[in-house]
Amino acid sequence: MLIYPVIFTETKDEKDTVLVFIPDLNGMTEGYGLANAISMAKDYIGNALFNKTASEYPKASEIDDIKPETTVFKDAGKSFVSLVDIDVDFYRRKNKSKYVRRNITLPEWLDDMATNEKINVSAVTQKALIQYLGLV
């Protein structure tokens, strides 16, 4: 689970637009109403980190170090800082759940042992790749 500080700016337009700035990712998006803006912030963070390993994630700033008056949206309305959390692994599974077929080569003796133990080789391979890539 990751948590990043996010600056939300409530505008006074007819759509109830809330502008979103994520300083640690230099990211901007918007939502309609606060709940949608939070969802859009999570979506932005998830997309920004989708193809990165955990060691490549930007370090989150301390919430007290984030100043709403420094955002590019400072003149668009009332701004405040809040924390937004995201589970990047869950985001990946939810947004790219299509499975692809890959053939792997195993020694026959290892395949025989896996078959005898009724081991799902695909599941074990997925877990191993996730761990190897530092995604946990």
N, C-alpha and C. Protein backbone atom coordinates (compact mmCIF):
# COMPACT_ATOMS: atom_id res chain seq x y z
N MET A 1 0.85 -1.17 0.00
CA MET A 1 0.00 0.00 0.00
C MET A 1 0.89 1.24 0.00
N LEU A 2 0.62 2.13 -0.93
CA LEU A 2 1.35 3.39 -1.01
C LEU A 2 0.42 4.53 -0.61
N ILE A 3 1.00 5.57 -0.04
CA ILE A 3 0.22 6.74 0.34
C ILE A 3 0.98 7.98 -0.11
N TYR A 4 0.33 8.80 -0.92
CA TYR A 4 0.93 10.04 -1.41
C TYR A 4 0.06 11.23 -1.00
N PRO A 5 0.70 12.36 -0.66
CA PRO A 5 -0.07 13.58 -0.42
C PRO A 5 -0.52 14.14 -1.77
N VAL A 6 -1.74 14.63 -1.78
CA VAL A 6 -2.34 15.16 -3.00
C VAL A 6 -3.00 16.50 -2.67
N ILE A 7 -2.86 17.45 -3.58
CA ILE A 7 -3.52 18.75 -3.42
C ILE A 7 -4.80 18.74 -4.24
N PHE A 8 -5.92 19.00 -3.57
CA PHE A 8 -7.22 19.09 -4.22
C PHE A 8 -7.64 20.56 -4.23
N THR A 9 -8.12 21.03 -5.37
CA THR A 9 -8.59 22.41 -5.49
C THR A 9 -10.04 22.38 -5.96
N GLU A 10 -10.91 22.85 -5.08
CA GLU A 10 -12.34 22.88 -5.40
C GLU A 10 -12.65 24.16 -6.16
N THR A 11 -13.17 24.00 -7.37
CA THR A 11 -13.54 25.16 -8.18
C THR A 11 -15.00 25.49 -7.93
N LYS A 12 -15.40 26.61 -8.46
CA LYS A 12 -16.79 27.04 -8.26
C LYS A 12 -17.60 26.92 -9.55
N ASP A 13 -17.21 26.01 -10.44
CA ASP A 13 -17.94 25.88 -11.69
C ASP A 13 -19.20 25.03 -11.52
N GLU A 14 -20.00 24.98 -12.55
CA GLU A 14 -21.28 24.28 -12.49
C GLU A 14 -21.13 22.76 -12.45
N LYS A 15 -19.96 22.24 -12.79
CA LYS A 15 -19.73 20.79 -12.80
C LYS A 15 -19.15 20.28 -11.48
N ASP A 16 -18.93 21.19 -10.52
CA ASP A 16 -18.32 20.79 -9.25
C ASP A 16 -16.93 20.17 -9.48
N THR A 17 -16.17 20.78 -10.39
CA THR A 17 -14.85 20.27 -10.75
C THR A 17 -13.88 20.43 -9.59
N VAL A 18 -13.12 19.38 -9.34
CA VAL A 18 -12.05 19.40 -8.35
C VAL A 18 -10.76 19.09 -9.09
N LEU A 19 -9.84 20.06 -9.07
CA LEU A 19 -8.55 19.88 -9.73
C LEU A 19 -7.61 19.13 -8.79
N VAL A 20 -6.77 18.28 -9.35
CA VAL A 20 -5.92 17.40 -8.56
C VAL A 20 -4.47 17.58 -8.99
N PHE A 21 -3.59 17.78 -8.00
CA PHE A 21 -2.16 17.85 -8.27
C PHE A 21 -1.44 16.88 -7.33
N ILE A 22 -0.62 16.00 -7.90
CA ILE A 22 0.12 15.02 -7.14
C ILE A 22 1.60 15.41 -7.21
N PRO A 23 2.09 16.14 -6.22
CA PRO A 23 3.44 16.71 -6.29
C PRO A 23 4.56 15.69 -6.51
N ASP A 24 4.49 14.55 -5.83
CA ASP A 24 5.57 13.57 -5.93
C ASP A 24 5.68 12.93 -7.31
N LEU A 25 4.64 13.05 -8.10
CA LEU A 25 4.65 12.51 -9.46
C LEU A 25 4.55 13.62 -10.50
N ASN A 26 4.48 14.87 -10.01
CA ASN A 26 4.26 16.03 -10.88
C ASN A 26 3.07 15.76 -11.80
N GLY A 27 2.01 15.20 -11.22
CA GLY A 27 0.84 14.79 -12.00
C GLY A 27 -0.37 15.64 -11.75
N MET A 28 -1.17 15.81 -12.80
CA MET A 28 -2.40 16.59 -12.71
C MET A 28 -3.56 15.82 -13.34
N THR A 29 -4.71 15.93 -12.72
CA THR A 29 -5.94 15.37 -13.26
C THR A 29 -7.09 16.16 -12.67
N GLU A 30 -8.30 15.71 -12.86
CA GLU A 30 -9.45 16.37 -12.26
C GLU A 30 -10.58 15.38 -12.09
N GLY A 31 -11.51 15.76 -11.25
CA GLY A 31 -12.69 14.94 -11.03
C GLY A 31 -13.89 15.83 -10.85
N TYR A 32 -15.05 15.23 -10.82
CA TYR A 32 -16.29 15.98 -10.63
C TYR A 32 -16.85 15.58 -9.27
N GLY A 33 -16.64 16.45 -8.31
CA GLY A 33 -16.93 16.14 -6.92
C GLY A 33 -15.70 15.52 -6.29
N LEU A 34 -15.63 15.58 -4.97
CA LEU A 34 -14.44 15.12 -4.27
C LEU A 34 -14.23 13.62 -4.40
N ALA A 35 -15.28 12.83 -4.31
CA ALA A 35 -15.13 11.38 -4.41
C ALA A 35 -14.54 10.99 -5.77
N ASN A 36 -15.03 11.60 -6.84
CA ASN A 36 -14.50 11.30 -8.17
C ASN A 36 -13.06 11.80 -8.30
N ALA A 37 -12.73 12.93 -7.69
CA ALA A 37 -11.37 13.47 -7.75
C ALA A 37 -10.39 12.53 -7.04
N ILE A 38 -10.79 11.95 -5.92
CA ILE A 38 -9.95 10.98 -5.22
C ILE A 38 -9.74 9.75 -6.10
N SER A 39 -10.80 9.29 -6.72
CA SER A 39 -10.71 8.14 -7.63
C SER A 39 -9.77 8.44 -8.79
N MET A 40 -9.85 9.65 -9.33
CA MET A 40 -8.99 10.05 -10.45
C MET A 40 -7.53 10.16 -10.00
N ALA A 41 -7.30 10.61 -8.76
CA ALA A 41 -5.94 10.67 -8.22
C ALA A 41 -5.36 9.26 -8.11
N LYS A 42 -6.15 8.32 -7.59
CA LYS A 42 -5.69 6.93 -7.48
C LYS A 42 -5.38 6.36 -8.86
N ASP A 43 -6.24 6.67 -9.82
CA ASP A 43 -6.04 6.18 -11.18
C ASP A 43 -4.76 6.76 -11.78
N TYR A 44 -4.51 8.04 -11.54
CA TYR A 44 -3.29 8.66 -12.06
C TYR A 44 -2.05 7.99 -11.44
N ILE A 45 -2.08 7.82 -10.12
CA ILE A 45 -0.94 7.19 -9.44
C ILE A 45 -0.74 5.76 -9.95
N GLY A 46 -1.82 5.01 -10.06
CA GLY A 46 -1.73 3.64 -10.55
C GLY A 46 -1.13 3.56 -11.94
N ASN A 47 -1.57 4.45 -12.83
CA ASN A 47 -1.02 4.46 -14.19
C ASN A 47 0.44 4.88 -14.20
N ALA A 48 0.79 5.85 -13.38
CA ALA A 48 2.17 6.34 -13.34
C ALA A 48 3.14 5.27 -12.84
N LEU A 49 2.67 4.40 -11.95
CA LEU A 49 3.54 3.39 -11.34
C LEU A 49 3.36 1.99 -11.92
N PHE A 50 2.44 1.85 -12.86
CA PHE A 50 2.03 0.56 -13.40
C PHE A 50 3.21 -0.31 -13.82
N ASN A 51 4.14 0.24 -14.57
CA ASN A 51 5.26 -0.54 -15.11
C ASN A 51 6.56 -0.36 -14.34
N LYS A 52 6.46 0.14 -13.13
CA LYS A 52 7.66 0.34 -12.31
C LYS A 52 7.73 -0.74 -11.23
N THR A 53 8.93 -0.99 -10.77
CA THR A 53 9.10 -1.89 -9.63
C THR A 53 9.02 -1.06 -8.36
N ALA A 54 8.84 -1.73 -7.25
CA ALA A 54 8.70 -1.03 -5.97
C ALA A 54 9.90 -0.12 -5.69
N SER A 55 11.08 -0.54 -6.10
CA SER A 55 12.27 0.28 -5.84
C SER A 55 12.29 1.55 -6.69
N GLU A 56 11.47 1.60 -7.73
CA GLU A 56 11.41 2.78 -8.60
C GLU A 56 10.31 3.77 -8.20
N TYR A 57 9.47 3.41 -7.24
CA TYR A 57 8.40 4.32 -6.83
C TYR A 57 9.00 5.57 -6.20
N PRO A 58 8.49 6.75 -6.55
CA PRO A 58 8.98 7.96 -5.89
C PRO A 58 8.64 7.93 -4.40
N LYS A 59 9.55 8.43 -3.61
CA LYS A 59 9.31 8.52 -2.16
C LYS A 59 8.22 9.57 -1.92
N ALA A 60 7.30 9.24 -1.07
CA ALA A 60 6.22 10.17 -0.73
C ALA A 60 6.73 11.28 0.17
N SER A 61 6.32 12.49 -0.13
CA SER A 61 6.65 13.64 0.71
C SER A 61 5.86 13.58 2.00
N GLU A 62 6.35 14.26 3.00
CA GLU A 62 5.59 14.41 4.24
C GLU A 62 4.43 15.38 3.96
N ILE A 63 3.28 15.09 4.50
CA ILE A 63 2.10 15.92 4.22
C ILE A 63 2.33 17.37 4.64
N ASP A 64 3.08 17.59 5.73
CA ASP A 64 3.34 18.95 6.20
C ASP A 64 4.27 19.73 5.28
N ASP A 65 4.99 19.03 4.41
CA ASP A 65 5.89 19.69 3.46
C ASP A 65 5.18 20.15 2.19
N ILE A 66 3.94 19.74 2.02
CA ILE A 66 3.17 20.09 0.81
C ILE A 66 2.39 21.37 1.09
N LYS A 67 2.59 22.36 0.26
CA LYS A 67 1.94 23.67 0.42
C LYS A 67 0.95 23.89 -0.72
N PRO A 68 -0.34 23.90 -0.41
CA PRO A 68 -1.36 24.06 -1.46
C PRO A 68 -1.19 25.34 -2.27
N GLU A 69 -0.63 26.37 -1.66
CA GLU A 69 -0.50 27.65 -2.37
C GLU A 69 0.59 27.62 -3.45
N THR A 70 1.33 26.50 -3.54
CA THR A 70 2.39 26.42 -4.55
C THR A 70 1.93 25.70 -5.82
N THR A 71 0.73 25.14 -5.81
CA THR A 71 0.25 24.39 -6.97
C THR A 71 -0.10 25.32 -8.13
N VAL A 72 -0.06 24.77 -9.32
CA VAL A 72 -0.45 25.55 -10.51
C VAL A 72 -1.92 25.93 -10.46
N PHE A 73 -2.69 25.26 -9.61
CA PHE A 73 -4.13 25.53 -9.50
C PHE A 73 -4.46 26.51 -8.38
N LYS A 74 -3.47 27.17 -7.81
CA LYS A 74 -3.68 27.98 -6.60
C LYS A 74 -4.73 29.08 -6.77
N ASP A 75 -4.92 29.59 -7.98
CA ASP A 75 -5.88 30.67 -8.20
C ASP A 75 -7.24 30.16 -8.67
N ALA A 76 -7.41 28.84 -8.76
CA ALA A 76 -8.65 28.28 -9.31
C ALA A 76 -9.73 28.05 -8.26
N GLY A 77 -9.38 28.13 -6.98
CA GLY A 77 -10.36 27.89 -5.93
C GLY A 77 -9.67 27.54 -4.63
N LYS A 78 -10.45 27.00 -3.70
CA LYS A 78 -9.93 26.64 -2.39
C LYS A 78 -9.18 25.31 -2.49
N SER A 79 -7.93 25.30 -2.00
CA SER A 79 -7.10 24.10 -2.07
C SER A 79 -6.83 23.54 -0.68
N PHE A 80 -6.68 22.22 -0.63
CA PHE A 80 -6.30 21.55 0.62
C PHE A 80 -5.50 20.30 0.26
N VAL A 81 -4.75 19.81 1.23
CA VAL A 81 -3.92 18.62 1.04
C VAL A 81 -4.55 17.46 1.78
N SER A 82 -4.55 16.30 1.13
CA SER A 82 -5.02 15.08 1.76
C SER A 82 -4.14 13.93 1.29
N LEU A 83 -4.20 12.84 2.01
CA LEU A 83 -3.44 11.66 1.63
C LEU A 83 -4.32 10.72 0.80
N VAL A 84 -3.72 10.14 -0.23
CA VAL A 84 -4.42 9.19 -1.09
C VAL A 84 -3.61 7.90 -1.09
N ASP A 85 -4.30 6.80 -0.84
CA ASP A 85 -3.62 5.51 -0.81
C ASP A 85 -3.96 4.70 -2.06
N ILE A 86 -3.05 3.82 -2.43
CA ILE A 86 -3.28 2.93 -3.57
C ILE A 86 -2.47 1.65 -3.38
N ASP A 87 -3.08 0.56 -3.71
CA ASP A 87 -2.42 -0.74 -3.74
C ASP A 87 -2.07 -0.99 -5.21
N VAL A 88 -0.83 -0.78 -5.58
CA VAL A 88 -0.42 -0.87 -6.99
C VAL A 88 -0.63 -2.27 -7.54
N ASP A 89 -0.36 -3.29 -6.74
CA ASP A 89 -0.56 -4.66 -7.21
C ASP A 89 -2.03 -4.91 -7.54
N PHE A 90 -2.92 -4.47 -6.67
CA PHE A 90 -4.35 -4.61 -6.92
C PHE A 90 -4.74 -3.82 -8.17
N TYR A 91 -4.19 -2.61 -8.31
CA TYR A 91 -4.48 -1.78 -9.48
C TYR A 91 -4.07 -2.50 -10.76
N ARG A 92 -2.89 -3.11 -10.75
CA ARG A 92 -2.42 -3.86 -11.93
C ARG A 92 -3.38 -5.00 -12.26
N ARG A 93 -3.75 -5.77 -11.22
CA ARG A 93 -4.65 -6.91 -11.47
C ARG A 93 -6.00 -6.44 -12.01
N LYS A 94 -6.50 -5.36 -11.47
CA LYS A 94 -7.81 -4.85 -11.87
C LYS A 94 -7.79 -4.29 -13.28
N ASN A 95 -6.71 -3.65 -13.66
CA ASN A 95 -6.67 -2.94 -14.93
C ASN A 95 -5.95 -3.68 -16.05
N LYS A 96 -5.33 -4.77 -15.76
CA LYS A 96 -4.71 -5.57 -16.81
C LYS A 96 -4.80 -7.02 -16.41
N SER A 97 -6.02 -7.52 -16.38
CA SER A 97 -6.23 -8.87 -15.90
C SER A 97 -6.26 -9.91 -17.02
N LYS A 98 -6.05 -9.48 -18.25
CA LYS A 98 -6.01 -10.43 -19.35
C LYS A 98 -4.76 -11.30 -19.19
N TYR A 99 -4.93 -12.58 -19.30
CA TYR A 99 -3.80 -13.49 -19.17
C TYR A 99 -3.26 -13.83 -20.56
N VAL A 100 -1.97 -14.00 -20.64
CA VAL A 100 -1.33 -14.39 -21.89
C VAL A 100 -0.67 -15.75 -21.70
N ARG A 101 -0.61 -16.49 -22.77
CA ARG A 101 0.00 -17.83 -22.69
C ARG A 101 1.48 -17.72 -22.98
N ARG A 102 2.29 -18.29 -22.09
CA ARG A 102 3.75 -18.35 -22.26
C ARG A 102 4.17 -19.79 -22.09
N ASN A 103 4.99 -20.26 -22.95
CA ASN A 103 5.56 -21.60 -22.80
C ASN A 103 6.88 -21.48 -22.04
N ILE A 104 7.07 -22.39 -21.09
CA ILE A 104 8.35 -22.41 -20.38
C ILE A 104 8.97 -23.79 -20.52
N THR A 105 10.26 -23.86 -20.37
CA THR A 105 10.97 -25.12 -20.50
C THR A 105 11.44 -25.56 -19.12
N LEU A 106 11.11 -26.80 -18.77
CA LEU A 106 11.51 -27.38 -17.49
C LEU A 106 12.21 -28.70 -17.75
N PRO A 107 13.09 -29.10 -16.88
CA PRO A 107 13.62 -30.46 -17.00
C PRO A 107 12.47 -31.45 -16.76
N GLU A 108 12.51 -32.56 -17.45
CA GLU A 108 11.42 -33.54 -17.37
C GLU A 108 11.18 -34.00 -15.93
N TRP A 109 12.27 -34.24 -15.19
CA TRP A 109 12.13 -34.72 -13.82
C TRP A 109 11.39 -33.70 -12.95
N LEU A 110 11.62 -32.39 -13.20
CA LEU A 110 10.95 -31.35 -12.42
C LEU A 110 9.47 -31.28 -12.79
N ASP A 111 9.19 -31.41 -14.07
CA ASP A 111 7.80 -31.42 -14.51
C ASP A 111 7.06 -32.62 -13.93
N ASP A 112 7.73 -33.79 -13.91
CA ASP A 112 7.11 -34.98 -13.31
C ASP A 112 6.79 -34.77 -11.83
N MET A 113 7.74 -34.19 -11.11
CA MET A 113 7.51 -33.93 -9.68
C MET A 113 6.36 -32.95 -9.47
N ALA A 114 6.31 -31.89 -10.27
CA ALA A 114 5.23 -30.91 -10.15
C ALA A 114 3.88 -31.55 -10.46
N THR A 115 3.84 -32.39 -11.47
CA THR A 115 2.60 -33.09 -11.84
C THR A 115 2.16 -34.01 -10.72
N ASN A 116 3.10 -34.78 -10.16
CA ASN A 116 2.77 -35.71 -9.07
C ASN A 116 2.24 -34.98 -7.84
N GLU A 117 2.76 -33.77 -7.60
CA GLU A 117 2.33 -32.98 -6.43
C GLU A 117 1.12 -32.11 -6.74
N LYS A 118 0.63 -32.21 -7.98
CA LYS A 118 -0.52 -31.41 -8.44
C LYS A 118 -0.27 -29.91 -8.25
N ILE A 119 0.94 -29.48 -8.61
CA ILE A 119 1.33 -28.07 -8.49
C ILE A 119 0.90 -27.32 -9.75
N ASN A 120 0.28 -26.18 -9.55
CA ASN A 120 -0.09 -25.31 -10.66
C ASN A 120 1.16 -24.52 -11.05
N VAL A 121 1.84 -24.96 -12.09
CA VAL A 121 3.11 -24.36 -12.50
C VAL A 121 2.92 -22.90 -12.91
N SER A 122 1.81 -22.58 -13.53
CA SER A 122 1.55 -21.18 -13.91
C SER A 122 1.47 -20.28 -12.68
N ALA A 123 0.75 -20.73 -11.66
CA ALA A 123 0.62 -19.92 -10.44
C ALA A 123 1.96 -19.74 -9.75
N VAL A 124 2.76 -20.82 -9.68
CA VAL A 124 4.07 -20.73 -9.05
C VAL A 124 4.97 -19.79 -9.85
N THR A 125 4.91 -19.87 -11.16
CA THR A 125 5.71 -19.00 -12.02
C THR A 125 5.32 -17.54 -11.83
N GLN A 126 4.01 -17.26 -11.76
CA GLN A 126 3.55 -15.88 -11.53
C GLN A 126 4.08 -15.34 -10.21
N LYS A 127 3.94 -16.12 -9.16
CA LYS A 127 4.44 -15.69 -7.85
C LYS A 127 5.94 -15.43 -7.88
N ALA A 128 6.67 -16.32 -8.53
CA ALA A 128 8.12 -16.17 -8.61
C ALA A 128 8.50 -14.91 -9.39
N LEU A 129 7.83 -14.65 -10.49
CA LEU A 129 8.12 -13.45 -11.28
C LEU A 129 7.80 -12.17 -10.50
N ILE A 130 6.69 -12.18 -9.80
CA ILE A 130 6.32 -11.00 -8.99
C ILE A 130 7.39 -10.73 -7.95
N GLN A 131 7.84 -11.78 -7.28
CA GLN A 131 8.89 -11.61 -6.28
C GLN A 131 10.20 -11.19 -6.93
N TYR A 132 10.58 -11.82 -8.01
CA TYR A 132 11.83 -11.52 -8.69
C TYR A 132 11.88 -10.07 -9.19
N LEU A 133 10.74 -9.58 -9.66
CA LEU A 133 10.67 -8.20 -10.17
C LEU A 133 10.51 -7.15 -9.06
N GLY A 134 10.42 -7.61 -7.82
CA GLY A 134 10.32 -6.68 -6.69
C GLY A 134 8.97 -6.00 -6.59
N LEU A 135 7.92 -6.69 -7.03
CA LEU A 135 6.58 -6.10 -7.02
C LEU A 135 5.84 -6.35 -5.72
N VAL A 136 6.47 -7.04 -4.79
CA VAL A 136 5.86 -7.27 -3.47
C VAL A 136 6.66 -6.60 -2.40
